[in-house]
Each structure stands twice: as C-alpha cells, then as structure tokens.
Protein backbone atom coordinates (compact mmCIF):
# COMPACT_ATOMS: atom_id res chain seq x y z
CA MET A 1 -14.02 -18.43 -17.29
CA PRO A 2 -17.76 -17.63 -17.26
CA LEU A 3 -19.35 -15.06 -14.97
CA VAL A 4 -19.20 -16.23 -11.34
CA THR A 5 -20.97 -15.48 -8.08
CA SER A 6 -19.20 -13.62 -5.29
CA THR A 7 -19.27 -16.53 -2.80
CA GLU A 8 -15.72 -17.77 -3.25
CA MET A 9 -14.14 -14.37 -3.78
CA PHE A 10 -15.78 -13.04 -0.58
CA LYS A 11 -14.46 -15.98 1.43
CA LYS A 12 -10.93 -15.34 0.18
CA ALA A 13 -11.27 -11.60 0.80
CA TYR A 14 -12.55 -12.10 4.37
CA ASP A 15 -9.73 -14.47 5.20
CA GLY A 16 -7.13 -12.34 3.44
CA GLY A 17 -8.01 -8.94 4.87
CA TYR A 18 -8.81 -7.23 1.58
CA ALA A 19 -11.96 -6.16 -0.28
CA ILE A 20 -13.29 -6.71 -3.78
CA GLY A 21 -13.92 -3.58 -5.81
CA ALA A 22 -17.50 -3.21 -7.02
CA PHE A 23 -17.42 -0.63 -9.80
CA ASN A 24 -20.54 0.76 -11.49
CA VAL A 25 -20.71 0.55 -15.27
CA ASN A 26 -22.75 2.60 -17.73
CA ASN A 27 -21.05 2.33 -21.11
CA MET A 28 -18.31 0.57 -23.09
CA GLU A 29 -15.40 2.79 -22.11
CA ILE A 30 -16.13 2.42 -18.40
CA VAL A 31 -16.37 -1.38 -18.73
CA GLN A 32 -13.10 -1.45 -20.67
CA GLY A 33 -11.20 0.80 -18.27
CA ILE A 34 -12.28 -1.15 -15.19
CA THR A 35 -11.67 -4.62 -16.60
CA GLU A 36 -8.32 -3.74 -18.16
CA ALA A 37 -7.09 -2.51 -14.79
CA ALA A 38 -8.28 -5.66 -13.02
CA ARG A 39 -6.80 -7.90 -15.72
CA ASP A 40 -3.38 -6.25 -15.52
CA LEU A 41 -3.40 -6.60 -11.72
CA SER A 42 -4.89 -10.12 -11.64
CA ALA A 43 -7.66 -8.86 -9.37
CA PRO A 44 -11.15 -10.36 -8.94
CA LEU A 45 -13.85 -7.94 -9.95
CA ILE A 46 -17.49 -7.01 -9.47
CA LEU A 47 -19.10 -5.03 -12.27
CA GLN A 48 -22.35 -3.59 -11.02
CA VAL A 49 -25.30 -2.09 -12.80
CA SER A 50 -27.89 0.20 -11.24
CA LYS A 51 -31.51 0.64 -12.19
CA GLY A 52 -30.50 3.96 -13.73
CA ALA A 53 -27.76 2.34 -15.82
CA ARG A 54 -30.22 -0.24 -17.14
CA ALA A 55 -32.60 2.56 -18.10
CA TYR A 56 -29.78 4.51 -19.78
CA ALA A 57 -27.88 1.80 -21.65
CA ASN A 58 -30.42 -1.05 -21.87
CA HIS A 59 -30.09 -4.32 -19.97
CA THR A 60 -29.04 -6.34 -23.02
CA TYR A 61 -26.29 -3.93 -24.10
CA LEU A 62 -24.80 -3.90 -20.60
CA VAL A 63 -24.87 -7.69 -20.24
CA LYS A 64 -23.22 -8.15 -23.63
CA LEU A 65 -20.54 -5.59 -22.79
CA VAL A 66 -19.75 -7.51 -19.60
CA GLU A 67 -19.76 -10.81 -21.50
CA ALA A 68 -17.23 -9.27 -23.91
CA ALA A 69 -15.08 -8.27 -20.93
CA VAL A 70 -15.16 -11.86 -19.69
CA ILE A 71 -13.83 -13.02 -23.06
CA GLU A 72 -11.08 -10.37 -23.01
CA CYS A 73 -10.16 -11.13 -19.38
CA PRO A 74 -10.37 -14.93 -19.13
CA ASN A 75 -8.01 -15.25 -16.18
CA ILE A 76 -9.89 -13.19 -13.60
CA PRO A 77 -13.24 -13.95 -11.94
CA ILE A 78 -15.95 -11.39 -12.75
CA VAL A 79 -19.33 -10.97 -11.08
CA LEU A 80 -22.22 -9.15 -12.74
CA HIS A 81 -24.21 -7.53 -9.94
CA LEU A 82 -27.41 -5.49 -9.69
CA ASP A 83 -26.80 -2.46 -7.48
CA HIS A 84 -29.74 -1.20 -5.39
CA GLY A 85 -32.49 -3.32 -6.85
CA PRO A 86 -35.63 -1.47 -5.72
CA ASP A 87 -38.08 -4.39 -5.82
CA PHE A 88 -38.54 -8.10 -6.49
CA GLU A 89 -39.48 -7.55 -10.14
CA THR A 90 -36.22 -5.73 -10.95
CA CYS A 91 -34.17 -8.39 -9.18
CA LYS A 92 -36.05 -11.18 -10.99
CA SER A 93 -35.47 -9.50 -14.35
CA CYS A 94 -31.73 -9.36 -13.70
CA ILE A 95 -31.59 -12.93 -12.40
CA ASP A 96 -33.43 -14.15 -15.49
CA GLY A 97 -31.27 -11.91 -17.68
CA GLY A 98 -27.82 -13.26 -16.81
CA PHE A 99 -26.73 -11.50 -13.60
CA THR A 100 -24.90 -13.67 -11.06
CA SER A 101 -25.58 -11.42 -8.06
CA VAL A 102 -28.34 -9.00 -7.10
CA MET A 103 -28.91 -6.50 -4.34
CA ILE A 104 -32.40 -5.99 -3.00
CA ASP A 105 -32.53 -2.65 -1.22
CA ALA A 106 -35.53 -2.61 1.09
CA SER A 107 -33.60 -0.69 3.75
CA GLY A 108 -36.15 2.11 3.69
CA LYS A 109 -38.91 -0.28 4.76
CA PRO A 110 -39.71 -1.34 8.34
CA PHE A 111 -37.46 -4.12 9.66
CA ALA A 112 -39.98 -6.97 9.26
CA GLU A 113 -40.92 -5.85 5.75
CA ASN A 114 -37.27 -5.60 4.77
CA ILE A 115 -36.83 -9.23 5.85
CA GLU A 116 -39.95 -10.34 3.99
CA ILE A 117 -38.96 -8.66 0.70
CA THR A 118 -35.35 -9.82 0.96
CA LYS A 119 -36.38 -13.41 1.70
CA LYS A 120 -38.59 -13.49 -1.40
CA VAL A 121 -35.68 -12.35 -3.57
CA VAL A 122 -33.30 -14.80 -1.87
CA GLU A 123 -35.58 -17.77 -2.51
CA TYR A 124 -35.89 -16.97 -6.21
CA ALA A 125 -32.21 -16.12 -6.63
CA HIS A 126 -30.91 -19.23 -4.87
CA ASP A 127 -33.18 -21.39 -7.01
CA HIS A 128 -31.33 -19.93 -10.01
CA GLY A 129 -27.78 -20.09 -8.62
CA VAL A 130 -27.59 -16.35 -7.91
CA VAL A 131 -26.46 -14.71 -4.66
CA VAL A 132 -28.16 -11.83 -2.85
CA GLU A 133 -26.93 -8.72 -1.06
CA ALA A 134 -29.30 -6.92 1.31
CA GLU A 135 -29.06 -3.72 3.34
CA LEU A 136 -29.70 -2.65 6.93
CA GLY A 137 -29.42 1.03 7.79
CA THR A 138 -29.88 3.88 5.34
CA LEU A 139 -27.16 5.92 3.64
CA ALA A 140 -27.66 9.59 2.91
CA GLY A 141 -26.85 11.14 -0.45
CA ILE A 142 -27.83 11.08 -4.10
CA GLU A 143 -26.57 8.66 -6.72
CA ASP A 144 -28.64 7.47 -9.68
CA ASP A 145 -32.10 6.61 -8.31
CA VAL A 146 -30.94 6.51 -4.68
CA LYS A 147 -31.98 9.73 -2.96
CA VAL A 148 -31.95 9.93 0.84
CA LYS A 149 -31.94 13.15 2.88
CA SER A 150 -29.33 13.31 5.65
CA GLU A 151 -32.04 13.54 8.31
CA ASP A 152 -33.55 10.29 7.00
CA SER A 153 -30.29 8.32 7.12
CA SER A 154 -29.51 5.97 9.99
CA TYR A 155 -26.65 3.80 11.16
CA THR A 156 -27.11 0.06 11.15
CA HIS A 157 -28.21 -1.32 14.53
CA PRO A 158 -25.85 -4.24 15.29
CA GLU A 159 -28.42 -5.91 17.53
CA GLU A 160 -30.62 -6.49 14.46
CA VAL A 161 -28.13 -8.12 12.11
CA GLU A 162 -28.26 -11.71 13.36
CA GLU A 163 -32.04 -11.91 13.12
CA PHE A 164 -32.05 -10.20 9.73
CA VAL A 165 -29.45 -12.49 8.15
CA SER A 166 -30.95 -15.61 9.70
CA LYS A 167 -34.52 -14.88 8.63
CA SER A 168 -33.79 -13.36 5.21
CA GLY A 169 -31.10 -15.82 4.10
CA CYS A 170 -29.07 -13.09 2.37
CA ASP A 171 -25.49 -13.87 1.33
CA SER A 172 -23.91 -10.50 2.17
CA LEU A 173 -25.04 -7.42 4.06
CA ALA A 174 -24.56 -3.73 3.28
CA ILE A 175 -24.38 -1.67 6.46
CA ALA A 176 -24.44 2.05 7.21
CA ILE A 177 -21.41 3.28 9.17
CA GLY A 178 -21.10 6.82 7.83
CA THR A 179 -20.45 6.49 4.12
CA SER A 180 -22.78 8.34 1.76
CA HIS A 181 -23.85 8.24 -1.86
CA GLY A 182 -22.63 10.79 -4.38
CA ALA A 183 -19.81 13.34 -4.34
CA TYR A 184 -21.05 15.47 -1.42
CA LYS A 185 -20.70 13.06 1.48
CA PHE A 186 -19.57 15.41 4.25
CA LYS A 187 -19.68 19.11 5.00
CA PRO A 188 -16.55 21.01 3.88
CA GLY A 189 -14.15 21.56 6.75
CA THR A 190 -15.36 18.58 8.76
CA LYS A 191 -13.21 15.50 9.37
CA PRO A 192 -15.00 12.44 7.99
CA GLN A 193 -14.96 9.47 10.36
CA LEU A 194 -16.53 6.09 9.76
CA ARG A 195 -18.18 4.29 12.69
CA PHE A 196 -15.77 1.41 13.08
CA ASP A 197 -17.38 0.56 16.41
CA VAL A 198 -20.56 -0.34 14.52
CA LEU A 199 -18.61 -2.39 11.97
CA GLU A 200 -16.70 -4.25 14.67
CA GLU A 201 -19.87 -5.09 16.60
CA VAL A 202 -21.59 -6.30 13.43
CA SER A 203 -18.54 -8.46 12.68
CA ARG A 204 -18.59 -9.90 16.19
CA ARG A 205 -22.22 -10.88 15.80
CA LEU A 206 -21.74 -12.24 12.26
CA PRO A 207 -18.32 -13.96 12.29
CA GLY A 208 -17.09 -14.83 8.82
CA PHE A 209 -20.03 -13.09 7.12
CA PRO A 210 -19.23 -10.70 4.23
CA ILE A 211 -20.04 -7.05 4.87
CA VAL A 212 -20.51 -4.44 2.13
CA LEU A 213 -19.89 -0.68 2.10
CA HIS A 214 -21.86 1.51 -0.28
CA GLY A 215 -21.13 5.17 -1.00
CA SER A 216 -17.37 4.65 -0.71
CA SER A 217 -15.95 7.05 -3.27
CA SER A 218 -13.20 9.30 -1.92
CA VAL A 219 -13.85 12.25 -4.28
CA PRO A 220 -10.18 12.99 -5.09
CA LYS A 221 -9.44 16.68 -4.76
CA GLU A 222 -7.39 16.83 -7.96
CA PHE A 223 -10.36 15.76 -10.09
CA VAL A 224 -12.76 18.16 -8.44
CA GLU A 225 -10.25 20.98 -8.97
CA LYS A 226 -9.76 20.02 -12.62
CA ILE A 227 -13.50 19.88 -13.24
CA ASN A 228 -13.92 23.33 -11.70
CA LYS A 229 -10.88 24.68 -13.56
CA PHE A 230 -12.33 23.68 -16.91
CA GLY A 231 -15.84 25.03 -16.50
CA GLY A 232 -17.43 22.74 -13.92
CA ASN A 233 -19.22 23.73 -10.75
CA MET A 234 -18.58 21.33 -7.85
CA PRO A 235 -17.96 23.39 -4.72
CA GLY A 236 -17.64 21.51 -1.46
CA ALA A 237 -17.40 17.96 -2.82
CA VAL A 238 -15.93 15.74 -0.07
CA GLY A 239 -15.56 11.93 0.07
CA VAL A 240 -14.51 9.09 2.36
CA PRO A 241 -10.79 9.07 3.30
CA GLU A 242 -9.04 6.19 1.58
CA ASP A 243 -7.13 5.12 4.70
CA GLN A 244 -10.44 4.49 6.45
CA LEU A 245 -11.64 2.35 3.57
CA ARG A 246 -8.41 0.37 3.68
CA HIS A 247 -8.94 -0.25 7.40
CA ALA A 248 -12.51 -1.41 6.72
CA ALA A 249 -11.16 -3.86 4.13
CA GLU A 250 -8.77 -5.27 6.72
CA LEU A 251 -11.76 -6.05 8.94
CA SER A 252 -14.90 -7.79 7.65
CA VAL A 253 -15.73 -5.60 4.64
CA CYS A 254 -15.42 -7.80 1.55
CA LYS A 255 -17.04 -5.50 -1.04
CA ILE A 256 -16.53 -1.77 -1.46
CA ASN A 257 -18.69 0.12 -3.96
CA ILE A 258 -17.11 2.86 -6.07
CA ASP A 259 -19.00 4.93 -8.61
CA SER A 260 -18.62 8.70 -8.15
CA ASP A 261 -14.82 8.56 -8.33
CA LEU A 262 -15.06 6.98 -11.79
CA ARG A 263 -17.44 9.70 -12.92
CA LEU A 264 -15.12 12.38 -11.59
CA ALA A 265 -12.04 10.93 -13.30
CA MET A 266 -13.85 10.60 -16.62
CA THR A 267 -15.50 14.01 -16.49
CA ALA A 268 -12.31 15.81 -15.48
CA CYS A 269 -10.43 14.21 -18.36
CA ILE A 270 -13.11 15.07 -20.94
CA ARG A 271 -13.47 18.66 -19.72
CA GLU A 272 -9.71 19.14 -19.92
CA HIS A 273 -9.62 17.67 -23.42
CA PHE A 274 -12.39 19.92 -24.69
CA ALA A 275 -10.65 22.99 -23.27
CA GLU A 276 -7.23 22.12 -24.68
CA ALA A 277 -8.36 20.68 -28.02
CA PRO A 278 -11.48 22.67 -28.94
CA SER A 279 -11.38 21.56 -32.58
CA ASP A 280 -11.80 17.86 -31.69
CA PHE A 281 -15.23 16.42 -32.39
CA ASP A 282 -14.52 12.71 -32.86
CA PRO A 283 -15.72 10.95 -29.68
CA ARG A 284 -12.73 8.61 -29.88
CA GLN A 285 -10.42 11.57 -29.39
CA TYR A 286 -11.75 12.36 -25.91
CA LEU A 287 -13.15 8.98 -24.85
CA LYS A 288 -9.80 7.22 -25.30
CA PRO A 289 -8.02 9.32 -22.63
CA ALA A 290 -11.19 9.19 -20.50
CA ARG A 291 -11.03 5.40 -20.63
CA GLN A 292 -7.41 5.55 -19.53
CA ALA A 293 -8.40 7.81 -16.65
CA ILE A 294 -10.90 5.18 -15.53
CA LYS A 295 -8.23 2.49 -15.77
CA ASP A 296 -5.75 4.52 -13.73
CA MET A 297 -8.35 5.26 -11.06
CA VAL A 298 -9.38 1.61 -10.75
CA SER A 299 -5.76 0.46 -10.61
CA HIS A 300 -5.13 2.83 -7.72
CA LYS A 301 -8.22 1.64 -5.87
CA ILE A 302 -7.38 -2.05 -6.31
CA VAL A 303 -3.80 -1.70 -5.10
CA ASP A 304 -3.83 1.12 -2.54
CA VAL A 305 -7.35 1.03 -1.10
CA LEU A 306 -8.69 -2.50 -1.51
CA GLY A 307 -5.40 -4.40 -1.20
CA CYS A 308 -6.77 -6.73 -3.84
CA ASP A 309 -4.08 -7.00 -6.54
CA HIS A 310 -2.92 -10.48 -7.55
CA LYS A 311 -5.76 -12.18 -5.66
CA ALA A 312 -7.50 -13.76 -8.68
C-alpha cells in the first residue's frame, strides 16, 4: 500500500487502547530495523523525520528510503511524518515533497500566535491531503534542533485545548505532561512521574481526539551501562518509565515518539563491536548488528510499551 495519513490508525488506536510508535529515522539501517520489526509484528508505523535529519541525510534520500520500506512492507500502513517543523516553510516543503503528516511546533510562541501559525499550516496541508500535529505546552530537553531549558518548560493548560484545536483545525495535539527530549529527562535518584491528571483533563475536554507524547524514550539502563563500559560518557541518563507510557497509551495517547532509545541501542552495539573486534573496518560488519539492535528495540516497544502488535 502507498504511504498513508495517520487518521485511520489514530482512530483505531484510540478505540483500542494502544498507541502507534513514531520512530525517528536518519539513515538506511535505522529505517530497515524499524520497518522490519513492524512488518514482523503486523504493526502500523509512523516514520518521522526531524529538521536535523533532513539537514544530515537530505530530504530526497530519506523519502526514497521510506518509499523503499513501503515496497518491502506492503502489508502494514506507514506514515511519513515531519517531527518538530519549526515554521510554515519547512512544513510546506515536506508536504510538497511527499510527506503524509507534518508537525508544526509553534509551542514556544504566545497562544494566539501558535494558533495563527498552526492554522496556516493546517489550511495548506489539508488542501494537499496531509494531516497536521500541533503542540501546546513546552517540553524541556535537547534533541536535534529542539533545545529548551528546564526553567522554560511548561505543562499544557487543559483549559486552553478546546479553543486551540477548534481555532487551529489541527488533527492531533502534542501535550506536555512531564516527558522530556533527549537522554537526560530527570535528575538521577528522582522518581519520574507523568502528570496523568493533565492528560485525563485534556481527554475529558477533547473526547475522541488523538493526543501525542514527545520525549518518550525510556533510556534503558543496560544500554547506558554498555556505552559507558566501552568508552562512552553518559552519567546520569534517566528516561520515562515504560509502565507509565503503557498507561498513557491505554488512555487517549495515540502516538508516542521514540528517538533517543534507538540512538542508545545503536551506539551501544557499535561501541561494543569496536571494542571486541578492533580489526574490523568494513561498515557492514558493525552496522549489521546495530541494525538488529534497532529492530529488537522497536519490537520491544511495539509489544510491551505501545500494545500495538497485530493491529495493522
């Protein structure tokens, strides 16, 4: 099947109490590992591309890699999504360039300006059969071009969501309930806790409307330890507990973004390979197991965190 929008998969996810995995892609091995996992589990899939990924790999290369994945995985629906589009021009470029979903992130702007910018993107996207994700509230952390200090982050205000969705026309809404971008989401020794009261109030005000969680990597301890064991330096990396993400998926969260965990799995595998096979210099020798590490990570997320296997 061709690339699809997220409309139908979000409706099924909302009704079924599970979430769709939105995994960031940067190169061929990452695309392959993610899509092979989803194919084997018959899971719908969102492959998302950030502004930084487009700058690194080139828009055309990434689109063609995803189109190749669609050919190799004809039995699962796949969305190609722009993650954290910073402005109308970037969103327009992706809409014109084959994406089926875009996110406009004007969450750092005043409320009225956020609506105005989002509405402009929505009007253009809907005219071209593309859906739009917007954001209310600001997540802390660093990931690609998203850099927000903790003191500048803010939870979503539930009393604003109805007006925002109604006036902007967005198709899904990313909210801030305590997740954070990057691998250093919480202070070591603290117990991470998402604000489910905010999520539940947003859901009450927007019944049936798909909610999105960004910054939802769990930063598995075993990968951090392996990276540090084989020459890395990642002290104090802490992520979102997976049981809390599973609970969010059982509520109104239809899309959960995962990026850092893929980077950790891949980096840990490559560092281990270099340490244990120092004579290897063929990229295929270390990228093949790294690709498998991505596949294993995504399989775990789809089954144990998202509850999304066999939903295609």
